[in-house]
């Protein structure tokens, strides 16, 4: 639960209500208890006028998400990190490409929390009858079941791309009543969608949609990317409203029926991504939403931050491990978004893979706001009802140009609370602790993760300095300073312990901990050694310590685990006069 001193409200997702305090008073909202579903907060308010505002059905009524009924579904709670074939191979992808990628990706990144391998456009014979999808083209001679079995044999979860458009003219003309038609009873066509299935007709769903996804589910696919949904809504349904009005059918209801048919076949235990563009009509059905166009969206992380892990999991789109990799992987991980790489497998055999290893898996995060940092897109969501073309991003789709350069993640564990602040740019001479929701009267250690450097101990705030051009980003771990030796960070993950630390304790002499480690990956503990303490001994079971370095009052202790396992470690200190 959040301890930020900037909090002015409490939101309950289970019933979709928010209790907030209006502007002027001084407000402190702190967690008191968390036991199961029961969470208790204390609120202290001081001011000459105090206005409490209770808003039931907050996202549904006040944010305009008609279908948001959180008591009917849970947001996907697990990390979604993996690889997609699209920008690596485009439609030229082959069976050989997938097999090679599974081999390399499994070895290089599966131990670091990357689980999914998703094949994109290029395997199907065409877009139309279910068998065109279920029986792939000649580039995949062994069939799709062979692929799922192979991917699973590498410890990965197989994912697959499908699209809602149909381009088989003869197939459509022989089944006219299954498709949207014009006044002359001819099937309508639209850009990208081609022929639009009429999901208000049960026969269309029972003969096309359900057999397709039932078949894919039976082949062993576990992640389903459903593409072209914007075009079904805009070119298919919105542009042909007279057709639905004549049938006395609600267009949105029909649209949701399509997605419900997919969900009904794949089940709630398999991930369903709606693609592309923001899809408020499918709230409660899809697990994730590609909130913008093709290409990584920094801007979207702030334009739909309040949706992420409340409404669904946000997908900012693929990440390439290029010169921008440390920045894009960092913000994706810190925000708890979908994290899908898309490189040729050879990249994962190079040092370039390091940025991904330090940012996977993704923690399940919750937004610190019930509003969007940049509301320019979500304020326009009502326009999805009248849009008739999805040929490019619309005013409500997430953009590319970032308006935000700071990303703060609070990490609250039973043994400790700390923050990680990601910076991607911006001109910041000083960063004030009060702006980060921290007590400006207390002392905090600030550690920069990418460079592995302790900036020092600060009160009030600190200067972030220049961003290293190698990383194009900074990740500051901020922990309250103690009078005794303490852990500052670990090297495993950008959260500086959020993924790997199981427990940390100080008993007056010994600093002990339990860490989840990755086989063969050097594990670094950054500890403080105050002036009146001295490290006497460090041990981590049967594992040898590779190196112990001192830099002022910072200790850097490195060991290399042979297996992926939990390691118990102990640092013993003596105290001088």
Protein backbone atom coordinates (compact mmCIF):
# COMPACT_ATOMS: atom_id res chain seq x y z
CA UNK A 1 0.00 0.00 0.00
CA UNK A 2 1.16 3.52 -0.76
CA UNK A 3 2.81 5.67 1.91
CA UNK A 4 3.27 8.73 -0.27
CA UNK A 5 2.75 12.00 1.57
CA UNK A 6 1.28 13.42 -1.64
CA UNK A 7 -1.77 11.17 -1.37
CA UNK A 8 -5.07 13.02 -1.01
CA UNK A 9 -7.47 10.17 -1.68
CA UNK A 10 -8.23 6.50 -1.16
CA UNK A 11 -9.56 4.40 -4.05
CA UNK A 12 -11.29 1.03 -3.66
CA UNK A 13 -11.21 -0.95 -6.90
CA UNK A 14 -13.46 -3.73 -5.63
CA UNK A 15 -16.43 -1.33 -5.51
CA UNK A 16 -15.04 1.48 -7.72
CA UNK A 17 -15.32 4.38 -5.29
CA UNK A 18 -12.93 7.14 -4.29
CA UNK A 19 -12.82 9.31 -1.18
CA UNK A 20 -10.77 12.47 -1.72
CA UNK A 21 -9.94 15.76 -0.03
CA UNK A 22 -10.23 18.99 -2.00
CA UNK A 23 -7.33 21.36 -2.50
CA UNK A 24 -6.48 23.67 0.41
CA UNK A 25 -6.09 21.59 3.58
CA UNK A 26 -2.95 19.76 4.63
CA UNK A 27 -3.61 16.03 4.19
CA UNK A 28 -1.77 12.91 5.30
CA UNK A 29 -3.15 9.52 4.24
CA UNK A 30 -1.25 6.52 5.54
CA UNK A 31 -1.94 2.78 5.61
CA UNK A 32 -2.71 1.30 9.00
CA UNK A 33 -3.52 -2.32 8.28
CA UNK A 34 -3.67 -4.75 5.38
CA UNK A 35 -5.08 -8.19 6.07
CA UNK A 36 -6.48 -10.10 3.13
CA UNK A 37 -9.08 -7.98 1.37
CA UNK A 38 -9.32 -5.60 4.34
CA UNK A 39 -7.25 -2.44 4.05
CA UNK A 40 -7.40 0.35 6.61
CA UNK A 41 -6.06 3.89 6.16
CA UNK A 42 -5.72 6.79 8.58
CA UNK A 43 -6.42 10.27 7.26
CA UNK A 44 -5.28 13.45 9.01
CA UNK A 45 -6.61 16.73 7.62
CA UNK A 46 -5.81 20.24 8.81
CA UNK A 47 -7.16 23.46 7.29
CA UNK A 48 -9.66 26.31 7.59
CA UNK A 49 -12.06 24.58 5.18
CA UNK A 50 -12.22 20.84 4.70
CA UNK A 51 -14.17 19.31 1.83
CA UNK A 52 -14.43 15.53 1.58
CA UNK A 53 -15.66 14.23 -1.74
CA UNK A 54 -17.06 10.70 -2.09
CA UNK A 55 -17.54 9.48 -5.65
CA UNK A 56 -19.08 6.03 -6.13
CA UNK A 57 -18.65 4.25 -9.47
CA UNK A 58 -15.68 6.50 -10.08
CA UNK A 59 -14.18 4.99 -13.23
CA UNK A 60 -17.57 3.93 -14.54
CA UNK A 61 -19.42 7.24 -14.13
CA UNK A 62 -16.83 9.95 -13.52
CA UNK A 63 -14.24 8.59 -15.99
CA UNK A 64 -16.82 7.45 -18.53
CA UNK A 65 -15.95 3.74 -18.65
CA UNK A 66 -19.44 2.35 -19.05
CA UNK A 67 -18.42 -1.29 -18.85
CA UNK A 68 -16.06 -1.02 -15.88
CA UNK A 69 -17.47 -3.40 -13.27
CA UNK A 70 -14.37 -4.46 -11.34
CA UNK A 71 -16.30 -6.74 -9.03
CA UNK A 72 -16.85 -9.03 -12.05
CA UNK A 73 -13.20 -9.56 -13.05
CA UNK A 74 -9.62 -9.30 -11.87
CA UNK A 75 -6.79 -7.58 -13.69
CA UNK A 76 -4.19 -10.09 -14.90
CA UNK A 77 -1.91 -10.31 -11.84
CA UNK A 78 1.21 -11.89 -13.35
CA UNK A 79 4.16 -10.41 -15.18
CA UNK A 80 3.63 -10.33 -18.95
CA UNK A 81 7.10 -10.24 -20.48
CA UNK A 82 8.33 -11.97 -23.60
CA UNK A 83 8.99 -11.66 -27.33
CA UNK A 84 6.94 -11.03 -30.48
CA UNK A 85 8.02 -11.79 -34.02
CA UNK A 86 6.60 -8.75 -35.83
CA UNK A 87 9.40 -6.19 -35.89
CA UNK A 88 12.04 -8.92 -35.92
CA UNK A 89 10.74 -10.74 -39.00
CA UNK A 90 7.51 -9.03 -40.12
CA UNK A 91 5.31 -11.26 -42.32
CA UNK A 92 8.36 -13.15 -43.62
CA UNK A 93 8.58 -15.10 -40.35
CA UNK A 94 9.19 -18.83 -40.73
CA UNK A 95 9.04 -21.92 -38.56
CA UNK A 96 12.82 -21.94 -38.48
CA UNK A 97 12.86 -18.35 -37.15
CA UNK A 98 10.53 -19.28 -34.30
CA UNK A 99 12.49 -22.39 -33.35
CA UNK A 100 15.80 -20.51 -33.31
CA UNK A 101 14.32 -17.68 -31.29
CA UNK A 102 12.83 -20.10 -28.77
CA UNK A 103 16.27 -21.68 -28.29
CA UNK A 104 18.12 -18.41 -27.83
CA UNK A 105 15.43 -16.52 -25.94
CA UNK A 106 14.89 -19.34 -23.47
CA UNK A 107 18.58 -19.56 -22.63
CA UNK A 108 19.22 -15.82 -22.48
CA UNK A 109 16.10 -14.37 -20.89
CA UNK A 110 13.76 -16.98 -19.45
CA UNK A 111 15.74 -17.10 -16.17
CA UNK A 112 15.20 -13.35 -15.90
CA UNK A 113 11.41 -13.51 -16.01
CA UNK A 114 10.64 -13.47 -19.74
CA UNK A 115 8.02 -16.15 -20.34
CA UNK A 116 6.08 -15.54 -23.55
CA UNK A 117 7.02 -16.14 -27.17
CA UNK A 118 4.38 -14.82 -29.56
CA UNK A 119 4.27 -15.42 -33.31
CA UNK A 120 2.74 -12.53 -35.24
CA UNK A 121 1.40 -12.01 -38.76
CA UNK A 122 2.91 -14.29 -41.40
CA UNK A 123 2.02 -17.86 -40.46
CA UNK A 124 -1.59 -17.98 -41.74
CA UNK A 125 -2.79 -18.98 -45.20
CA UNK A 126 -5.16 -16.03 -45.30
CA UNK A 127 -7.78 -14.15 -43.34
CA UNK A 128 -11.13 -15.84 -43.42
CA UNK A 129 -12.32 -19.35 -42.61
CA UNK A 130 -10.93 -20.80 -39.36
CA UNK A 131 -8.92 -23.45 -41.20
CA UNK A 132 -6.83 -20.74 -42.88
CA UNK A 133 -5.53 -19.83 -39.43
CA UNK A 134 -5.43 -23.28 -37.87
CA UNK A 135 -3.49 -24.82 -40.77
CA UNK A 136 -0.49 -22.56 -41.50
CA UNK A 137 1.19 -21.84 -44.80
CA UNK A 138 4.16 -23.64 -46.33
CA UNK A 139 6.66 -21.69 -44.18
CA UNK A 140 5.45 -23.75 -41.22
CA UNK A 141 5.62 -27.32 -42.52
CA UNK A 142 5.13 -29.04 -39.16
CA UNK A 143 1.98 -27.16 -38.19
CA UNK A 144 1.06 -25.01 -35.20
CA UNK A 145 0.76 -27.80 -32.62
CA UNK A 146 4.39 -28.64 -33.29
CA UNK A 147 5.29 -25.01 -32.54
CA UNK A 148 3.41 -24.82 -29.24
CA UNK A 149 4.99 -28.08 -28.10
CA UNK A 150 8.46 -26.85 -29.01
CA UNK A 151 8.02 -23.47 -27.33
CA UNK A 152 6.75 -25.14 -24.16
CA UNK A 153 9.67 -27.56 -24.20
CA UNK A 154 11.90 -24.50 -23.77
CA UNK A 155 10.02 -23.43 -20.65
CA UNK A 156 8.17 -20.66 -22.50
CA UNK A 157 4.48 -19.91 -23.03
CA UNK A 158 3.34 -19.80 -26.68
CA UNK A 159 1.42 -16.79 -27.97
CA UNK A 160 -0.26 -16.16 -31.31
CA UNK A 161 -1.56 -13.23 -33.39
CA UNK A 162 -4.94 -13.21 -35.07
CA UNK A 163 -6.94 -10.49 -36.82
CA UNK A 164 -10.67 -9.86 -37.04
CA UNK A 165 -10.72 -8.83 -40.72
CA UNK A 166 -11.78 -11.23 -43.46
CA UNK A 167 -10.61 -10.88 -47.07
CA UNK A 168 -11.98 -14.07 -48.71
CA UNK A 169 -14.55 -12.59 -51.10
CA UNK A 170 -16.07 -15.88 -52.25
CA UNK A 171 -16.28 -17.12 -48.67
CA UNK A 172 -18.15 -13.96 -47.67
CA UNK A 173 -20.54 -13.93 -50.63
CA UNK A 174 -21.58 -17.51 -49.86
CA UNK A 175 -22.44 -16.50 -46.28
CA UNK A 176 -23.87 -13.01 -46.65
CA UNK A 177 -26.01 -13.08 -43.51
CA UNK A 178 -22.89 -13.45 -41.38
CA UNK A 179 -21.52 -10.08 -42.52
CA UNK A 180 -22.40 -6.38 -42.36
CA UNK A 181 -24.20 -5.37 -45.58
CA UNK A 182 -25.21 -2.17 -47.36
CA UNK A 183 -28.68 -1.10 -48.53
CA UNK A 184 -28.29 -3.27 -51.63
CA UNK A 185 -27.55 -6.34 -49.48
CA UNK A 186 -23.92 -6.41 -50.61
CA UNK A 187 -21.17 -6.97 -48.03
CA UNK A 188 -19.56 -3.67 -47.06
CA UNK A 189 -15.81 -3.26 -47.20
CA UNK A 190 -13.47 -1.07 -45.21
CA UNK A 191 -9.79 -0.28 -45.12
CA UNK A 192 -7.82 -2.85 -43.12
CA UNK A 193 -10.94 -4.73 -42.04
CA UNK A 194 -12.04 -5.70 -45.58
CA UNK A 195 -15.28 -7.57 -44.78
CA UNK A 196 -16.73 -7.04 -41.29
CA UNK A 197 -18.29 -9.93 -39.43
CA UNK A 198 -21.72 -9.19 -37.95
CA UNK A 199 -21.20 -10.32 -34.37
CA UNK A 200 -24.89 -9.78 -33.60
CA UNK A 201 -25.54 -12.93 -35.64
CA UNK A 202 -24.91 -16.04 -33.49
CA UNK A 203 -24.27 -18.11 -36.61
CA UNK A 204 -21.34 -15.89 -37.54
CA UNK A 205 -19.77 -16.33 -34.12
CA UNK A 206 -20.52 -20.05 -33.96
CA UNK A 207 -19.04 -20.79 -37.38
CA UNK A 208 -16.07 -18.43 -37.56
CA UNK A 209 -14.94 -16.94 -34.25
CA UNK A 210 -15.59 -19.75 -31.82
CA UNK A 211 -14.14 -22.57 -33.98
CA UNK A 212 -11.00 -20.52 -34.62
CA UNK A 213 -10.18 -19.79 -31.00
CA UNK A 214 -11.37 -23.19 -29.81
CA UNK A 215 -8.93 -24.70 -32.28
CA UNK A 216 -6.04 -22.45 -31.25
CA UNK A 217 -6.74 -23.14 -27.59
CA UNK A 218 -6.68 -26.86 -28.34
CA UNK A 219 -3.30 -26.49 -30.05
CA UNK A 220 -1.85 -25.17 -26.81
CA UNK A 221 -1.60 -21.40 -27.31
CA UNK A 222 -1.69 -19.42 -24.06
CA UNK A 223 -1.45 -15.77 -25.18
CA UNK A 224 -3.83 -14.36 -27.78
CA UNK A 225 -3.25 -11.06 -29.56
CA UNK A 226 -6.48 -10.06 -31.34
CA UNK A 227 -5.68 -7.39 -33.92
CA UNK A 228 -7.79 -5.10 -36.09
CA UNK A 229 -10.35 -4.46 -33.37
CA UNK A 230 -10.35 -0.71 -34.05
CA UNK A 231 -11.22 -1.33 -37.68
CA UNK A 232 -14.09 -3.65 -36.80
CA UNK A 233 -15.49 -0.87 -34.61
CA UNK A 234 -14.83 2.12 -36.90
CA UNK A 235 -14.94 0.96 -40.53
CA UNK A 236 -17.08 -2.07 -39.78
CA UNK A 237 -19.72 -0.90 -37.29
CA UNK A 238 -19.61 2.88 -36.82
CA UNK A 239 -19.48 3.54 -40.56
CA UNK A 240 -22.54 1.32 -41.07
CA UNK A 241 -24.78 2.43 -38.25
CA UNK A 242 -27.88 2.32 -40.50
CA UNK A 243 -27.39 -1.43 -40.90
CA UNK A 244 -27.52 -1.98 -37.14
CA UNK A 245 -30.34 0.50 -36.62
CA UNK A 246 -32.42 -1.35 -39.19
CA UNK A 247 -31.77 -4.58 -37.28
CA UNK A 248 -32.53 -2.77 -33.98
CA UNK A 249 -29.17 -3.96 -32.68
CA UNK A 250 -26.81 -1.92 -30.53
CA UNK A 251 -23.44 -1.64 -32.29
CA UNK A 252 -21.39 -1.71 -29.10
CA UNK A 253 -23.24 -4.74 -27.80
CA UNK A 254 -22.50 -6.56 -31.05
CA UNK A 255 -18.87 -5.48 -30.87
CA UNK A 256 -18.52 -6.81 -27.34
CA UNK A 257 -20.10 -10.09 -28.39
CA UNK A 258 -17.19 -10.67 -30.76
CA UNK A 259 -14.66 -10.24 -27.94
CA UNK A 260 -16.78 -12.29 -25.55
CA UNK A 261 -16.83 -15.15 -28.04
CA UNK A 262 -13.02 -15.13 -28.12
CA UNK A 263 -12.82 -14.98 -24.35
CA UNK A 264 -15.32 -17.78 -23.97
CA UNK A 265 -13.13 -20.14 -25.98
CA UNK A 266 -9.70 -19.28 -24.56
CA UNK A 267 -10.83 -18.95 -20.94
CA UNK A 268 -9.86 -16.50 -18.24
CA UNK A 269 -6.61 -18.32 -17.55
CA UNK A 270 -5.06 -17.28 -20.86
CA UNK A 271 -3.99 -13.73 -21.71
CA UNK A 272 -6.02 -11.76 -24.27
CA UNK A 273 -4.56 -8.58 -25.79
CA UNK A 274 -6.85 -6.18 -27.66
CA UNK A 275 -5.06 -4.40 -30.49
CA UNK A 276 -4.68 -1.67 -31.57
CA UNK A 277 -5.62 1.68 -30.05
CA UNK A 278 -7.57 2.35 -26.91
CA UNK A 279 -10.64 0.12 -26.60
CA UNK A 280 -12.96 1.33 -23.80
CA UNK A 281 -15.82 -0.80 -25.18
CA UNK A 282 -13.92 -3.98 -24.30
CA UNK A 283 -13.28 -3.19 -20.64
CA UNK A 284 -13.86 -6.30 -18.58
CA UNK A 285 -13.22 -8.66 -21.49
CA UNK A 286 -9.61 -8.13 -22.59
CA UNK A 287 -6.65 -8.51 -20.23
CA UNK A 288 -4.44 -5.98 -21.98
CA UNK A 289 -4.84 -3.15 -24.45
CA UNK A 290 -2.42 -1.73 -27.00
CA UNK A 291 -3.12 1.87 -26.11
CA UNK A 292 -1.50 3.41 -29.20
CA UNK A 293 -0.12 2.75 -32.68
CA UNK A 294 2.76 0.49 -33.71
CA UNK A 295 5.97 1.63 -32.03
CA UNK A 296 6.90 2.10 -28.39
CA UNK A 297 4.81 4.80 -26.70
CA UNK A 298 6.52 6.76 -23.94
CA UNK A 299 3.68 9.25 -23.99
CA UNK A 300 1.04 6.60 -23.41
CA UNK A 301 2.53 5.67 -20.06
CA UNK A 302 1.40 9.08 -18.77
CA UNK A 303 -1.70 9.45 -20.96
CA UNK A 304 -3.35 6.30 -19.62
CA UNK A 305 -1.45 5.74 -16.38
CA UNK A 306 -4.67 5.60 -14.35
CA UNK A 307 -5.92 2.66 -16.44
CA UNK A 308 -2.89 0.44 -15.97
CA UNK A 309 -3.61 -2.52 -13.67
CA UNK A 310 -6.92 -0.98 -12.63
CA UNK A 311 -8.85 -1.36 -15.89
CA UNK A 312 -6.42 -3.70 -17.71
CA UNK A 313 -2.69 -4.06 -18.39
CA UNK A 314 -1.40 -1.29 -20.67
CA UNK A 315 0.63 -2.32 -23.71
CA UNK A 316 3.01 0.46 -24.87
CA UNK A 317 4.04 -1.86 -27.76
CA UNK A 318 7.25 -3.66 -28.57
CA UNK A 319 10.74 -2.85 -27.32
CA UNK A 320 13.86 -3.16 -29.44
CA UNK A 321 17.18 -3.50 -27.66
CA UNK A 322 18.75 -0.59 -29.49
CA UNK A 323 20.48 2.56 -28.25
CA UNK A 324 17.30 3.50 -26.36
CA UNK A 325 16.95 0.14 -24.61
CA UNK A 326 17.83 1.08 -21.04
CA UNK A 327 15.29 3.89 -21.11
CA UNK A 328 12.39 1.98 -22.70
CA UNK A 329 12.87 -1.17 -20.64
CA UNK A 330 13.15 0.82 -17.42
CA UNK A 331 9.91 2.76 -17.77
CA UNK A 332 8.01 -0.31 -18.94
CA UNK A 333 9.15 -2.25 -15.90
CA UNK A 334 8.61 0.54 -13.37
CA UNK A 335 5.06 1.15 -14.61
CA UNK A 336 4.12 -2.54 -14.58
CA UNK A 337 3.14 -2.54 -18.26
CA UNK A 338 3.31 -5.28 -20.90
CA UNK A 339 6.94 -5.91 -21.77
CA UNK A 340 7.43 -7.55 -25.18
CA UNK A 341 10.78 -7.54 -26.96
CA UNK A 342 11.11 -7.87 -30.74
CA UNK A 343 14.68 -8.40 -31.93
CA UNK A 344 16.41 -10.95 -34.09
CA UNK A 345 17.58 -13.74 -31.76
CA UNK A 346 21.25 -12.94 -32.39
CA UNK A 347 20.79 -9.75 -30.34
CA UNK A 348 20.18 -11.83 -27.22
CA UNK A 349 23.64 -13.35 -27.54
CA UNK A 350 25.26 -9.91 -27.20
CA UNK A 351 25.86 -7.56 -24.25
CA UNK A 352 22.83 -5.62 -25.50
CA UNK A 353 20.63 -8.09 -23.65
CA UNK A 354 21.70 -6.61 -20.30
CA UNK A 355 19.02 -3.89 -20.23
CA UNK A 356 16.30 -6.54 -20.53
CA UNK A 357 17.84 -8.76 -17.89
CA UNK A 358 17.85 -5.91 -15.38
CA UNK A 359 14.21 -4.99 -15.98
CA UNK A 360 12.43 -8.35 -16.19
CA UNK A 361 10.12 -9.55 -14.84
CA UNK A 362 7.55 -6.80 -14.40
CA UNK A 363 6.10 -6.20 -10.96
CA UNK A 364 2.34 -5.81 -10.59
CA UNK A 365 2.13 -2.08 -9.89
CA UNK A 366 -0.80 0.19 -9.13
CA UNK A 367 -1.08 3.79 -10.36
CA UNK A 368 -0.52 6.55 -7.85
CA UNK A 369 -3.25 8.64 -9.46
CA UNK A 370 -6.92 8.17 -10.33
CA UNK A 371 -6.37 10.72 -13.09
CA UNK A 372 -4.02 10.73 -16.07
CA UNK A 373 -0.84 12.80 -15.84
CA UNK A 374 -1.48 13.90 -19.42
CA UNK A 375 -5.29 13.83 -19.85
CA UNK A 376 -5.26 15.10 -23.43
CA UNK A 377 -6.11 11.64 -24.83
CA UNK A 378 -8.41 10.10 -22.24
CA UNK A 379 -10.52 13.29 -22.20
CA UNK A 380 -11.45 12.49 -25.82
CA UNK A 381 -12.53 8.89 -25.30
CA UNK A 382 -16.18 9.68 -26.02
CA UNK A 383 -15.22 10.18 -29.67
CA UNK A 384 -14.79 6.44 -30.25
CA UNK A 385 -18.57 6.33 -30.75
CA UNK A 386 -18.44 8.48 -33.89
CA UNK A 387 -15.08 7.61 -35.44
CA UNK A 388 -15.44 5.89 -38.83
CA UNK A 389 -11.78 5.45 -39.81
CA UNK A 390 -8.94 3.78 -37.97
CA UNK A 391 -6.27 4.35 -40.61
CA UNK A 392 -3.99 6.11 -38.13
CA UNK A 393 -3.86 7.27 -34.52
CA UNK A 394 -6.86 9.29 -33.40
CA UNK A 395 -7.02 12.03 -30.79
CA UNK A 396 -7.80 9.52 -28.04
CA UNK A 397 -5.06 7.01 -28.94
CA UNK A 398 -1.81 7.19 -26.99
CA UNK A 399 0.88 9.26 -28.66
CA UNK A 400 4.65 9.08 -28.96
CA UNK A 401 6.06 12.36 -27.62
CA UNK A 402 6.51 12.10 -23.85
CA UNK A 403 5.17 14.80 -21.56
CA UNK A 404 6.63 13.12 -18.49
CA UNK A 405 10.26 12.36 -17.65
CA UNK A 406 9.96 11.05 -14.09
CA UNK A 407 8.49 7.69 -13.07
CA UNK A 408 8.21 6.93 -9.36
CA UNK A 409 7.56 3.46 -7.98
CA UNK A 410 6.92 2.84 -4.29
CA UNK A 411 7.91 -0.62 -3.05
CA UNK A 412 6.32 -1.68 0.22
CA UNK A 413 7.52 -4.96 1.68
CA UNK A 414 6.94 -6.41 5.17
CA UNK A 415 10.62 -5.85 5.93
CA UNK A 416 11.16 -2.42 4.29
CA UNK A 417 9.76 0.46 2.27
CA UNK A 418 11.69 2.26 -0.47
CA UNK A 419 11.21 4.14 -3.74
CA UNK A 420 12.69 3.90 -7.21
CA UNK A 421 12.65 7.02 -9.36
CA UNK A 422 13.22 6.59 -13.09
CA UNK A 423 14.33 9.59 -15.13
CA UNK A 424 14.30 9.67 -18.94
CA UNK A 425 15.17 13.32 -19.54
CA UNK A 426 14.10 16.79 -18.52
CA UNK A 427 16.07 19.65 -17.00
CA UNK A 428 16.11 19.00 -13.26
CA UNK A 429 18.63 20.87 -11.15
CA UNK A 430 17.16 19.46 -7.95
CA UNK A 431 14.60 16.83 -7.09
CA UNK A 432 12.78 17.57 -3.84
CA UNK A 433 11.78 14.72 -1.57
CA UNK A 434 8.49 16.44 -0.80
CA UNK A 435 7.63 16.28 -4.51
CA UNK A 436 8.27 12.53 -4.36
CA UNK A 437 5.92 12.05 -1.42
CA UNK A 438 8.77 11.60 1.07
CA UNK A 439 9.32 13.39 4.37
CA UNK A 440 11.75 16.25 3.60
CA UNK A 441 12.93 16.30 7.24
CA UNK A 442 14.40 12.82 7.07
CA UNK A 443 17.70 11.61 5.63
CA UNK A 444 17.72 9.38 2.57
CA UNK A 445 20.39 7.45 0.73
CA UNK A 446 20.19 7.91 -3.04
CA UNK A 447 21.73 5.21 -5.23
CA UNK A 448 21.86 5.33 -9.04
CA UNK A 449 21.22 1.80 -10.30
CA UNK A 450 22.59 1.84 -13.86
CA UNK A 451 26.00 3.17 -12.86
CA UNK A 452 26.00 1.35 -9.50
CA UNK A 453 26.90 4.57 -7.70
CA UNK A 454 25.86 5.93 -4.32
CA UNK A 455 25.24 9.66 -4.70
CA UNK A 456 25.19 10.16 -0.93
CA UNK A 457 22.87 10.87 1.96
CA UNK A 458 20.50 13.82 1.60
CA UNK A 459 17.86 15.79 3.45
CA UNK A 460 15.23 17.81 1.60
CA UNK A 461 16.31 16.69 -1.88
CA UNK A 462 19.18 15.88 -4.22
CA UNK A 463 20.68 16.84 -7.55
CA UNK A 464 20.27 14.07 -10.14
CA UNK A 465 23.16 15.29 -12.25
CA UNK A 466 23.76 14.54 -15.89
CA UNK A 467 22.23 11.49 -17.56
CA UNK A 468 24.89 9.05 -18.75
CA UNK A 469 24.62 8.88 -22.58
CA UNK A 470 25.33 5.15 -22.42
CA UNK A 471 22.03 4.54 -20.64
CA UNK A 472 20.00 7.62 -21.61
CA UNK A 473 18.21 7.15 -18.30
CA UNK A 474 18.71 7.17 -14.56
CA UNK A 475 17.16 4.92 -11.92
CA UNK A 476 17.46 6.24 -8.38
CA UNK A 477 16.86 3.92 -5.44
CA UNK A 478 15.86 6.03 -2.43
CA UNK A 479 15.96 4.45 1.03
CA UNK A 480 15.65 6.15 4.41
CA UNK A 481 19.00 6.31 6.16
CA UNK A 482 19.48 4.22 9.29
CA UNK A 483 22.10 4.67 12.01
CA UNK A 484 23.37 1.12 11.43
CA UNK A 485 24.54 -0.91 8.42
CA UNK A 486 21.77 -1.40 5.90
CA UNK A 487 21.12 -2.67 2.41
CA UNK A 488 21.06 0.06 -0.23
CA UNK A 489 20.40 -1.93 -3.39
CA UNK A 490 20.97 -5.18 -5.24
CA UNK A 491 22.11 -5.65 -8.82
CA UNK A 492 19.46 -8.12 -9.97
CA UNK A 493 16.67 -5.75 -11.04
CA UNK A 494 16.08 -2.05 -11.63
CA UNK A 495 13.79 -2.02 -8.58
CA UNK A 496 16.96 -2.50 -6.48
CA UNK A 497 15.55 -5.51 -4.68
CA UNK A 498 11.87 -5.42 -5.56
CA UNK A 499 12.02 -8.66 -7.54
CA UNK A 500 14.68 -10.61 -5.68
CA UNK A 501 14.63 -9.69 -1.98
CA UNK A 502 12.59 -12.07 0.16
CA UNK A 503 13.67 -10.73 3.54
CA UNK A 504 16.20 -8.36 5.14
CA UNK A 505 16.80 -7.97 8.90
CA UNK A 506 19.17 -6.19 11.28
CA UNK A 507 19.64 -7.63 14.80
CA UNK A 508 22.22 -5.22 16.17
CA UNK A 509 25.23 -7.15 14.89
CA UNK A 510 24.16 -9.02 11.77
CA UNK A 511 22.53 -7.83 8.59
CA UNK A 512 20.84 -10.91 7.13
CA UNK A 513 18.78 -11.49 4.05
CA UNK A 514 17.31 -13.94 1.59
CA UNK A 515 17.66 -13.26 -2.14
CA UNK A 516 16.26 -14.95 -5.23
CA UNK A 517 19.18 -15.34 -7.61
CA UNK A 518 19.72 -16.40 -11.23
CA UNK A 519 22.20 -19.13 -12.08
CA UNK A 520 25.49 -17.73 -13.34
CA UNK A 521 24.41 -14.11 -12.93
CA UNK A 522 26.76 -12.18 -10.61
CA UNK A 523 24.72 -10.94 -7.65
CA UNK A 524 25.82 -7.71 -6.01
CA UNK A 525 24.75 -6.48 -2.58
CA UNK A 526 25.33 -2.80 -1.89
CA UNK A 527 25.55 -2.26 1.89
CA UNK A 528 26.47 0.70 4.04
CA UNK A 529 29.28 0.59 6.58
CA UNK A 530 28.86 3.64 8.87
CA UNK A 531 32.01 5.08 10.42
CA UNK A 532 31.52 3.35 13.78
CA UNK A 533 30.92 -0.10 12.25
CA UNK A 534 33.25 -2.56 10.57
CA UNK A 535 32.37 -5.57 8.41
CA UNK A 536 33.99 -8.61 10.01
CA UNK A 537 32.56 -11.45 7.97
CA UNK A 538 30.23 -12.14 5.09
CA UNK A 539 28.93 -15.53 4.11
CA UNK A 540 26.30 -16.86 1.74
CA UNK A 541 26.21 -20.56 2.49
CA UNK A 542 28.43 -22.70 0.30
CA UNK A 543 28.88 -19.98 -2.31
CA UNK A 544 32.25 -18.25 -2.46
CA UNK A 545 32.39 -14.46 -2.39
CA UNK A 546 33.90 -13.19 -5.62
CA UNK A 547 34.78 -9.73 -4.40
CA UNK A 548 34.29 -7.24 -1.58
CA UNK A 549 34.95 -3.59 -2.43
CA UNK A 550 34.85 -0.48 -0.25
CA UNK A 551 34.06 2.96 -1.59
CA UNK A 552 33.78 5.32 1.35
CA UNK A 553 30.99 3.92 3.51
CA UNK A 554 29.58 1.78 0.68
CA UNK A 555 30.32 -1.94 0.56
CA UNK A 556 29.96 -3.82 -2.70
CA UNK A 557 29.82 -7.59 -2.16
CA UNK A 558 29.61 -9.88 -5.19
CA UNK A 559 28.90 -13.59 -5.40
CA UNK A 560 27.92 -15.81 -8.33
CA UNK A 561 25.19 -18.41 -7.69
CA UNK A 562 25.54 -21.70 -9.52
CA UNK A 563 21.79 -22.36 -9.54
CA UNK A 564 18.67 -20.24 -9.69
CA UNK A 565 17.65 -20.42 -6.05
CA UNK A 566 17.04 -18.51 -2.85
CA UNK A 567 20.32 -17.67 -1.15
CA UNK A 568 20.62 -16.81 2.54
CA UNK A 569 23.35 -14.33 3.28
CA UNK A 570 24.75 -12.78 6.45
CA UNK A 571 26.98 -9.74 7.00
CA UNK A 572 28.45 -9.55 10.52
CA UNK A 573 29.62 -6.18 11.86
CA UNK A 574 31.60 -5.07 14.86
CA UNK A 575 31.16 -1.67 16.42
CA UNK A 576 34.01 0.59 17.41
CA UNK A 577 34.22 3.39 19.94
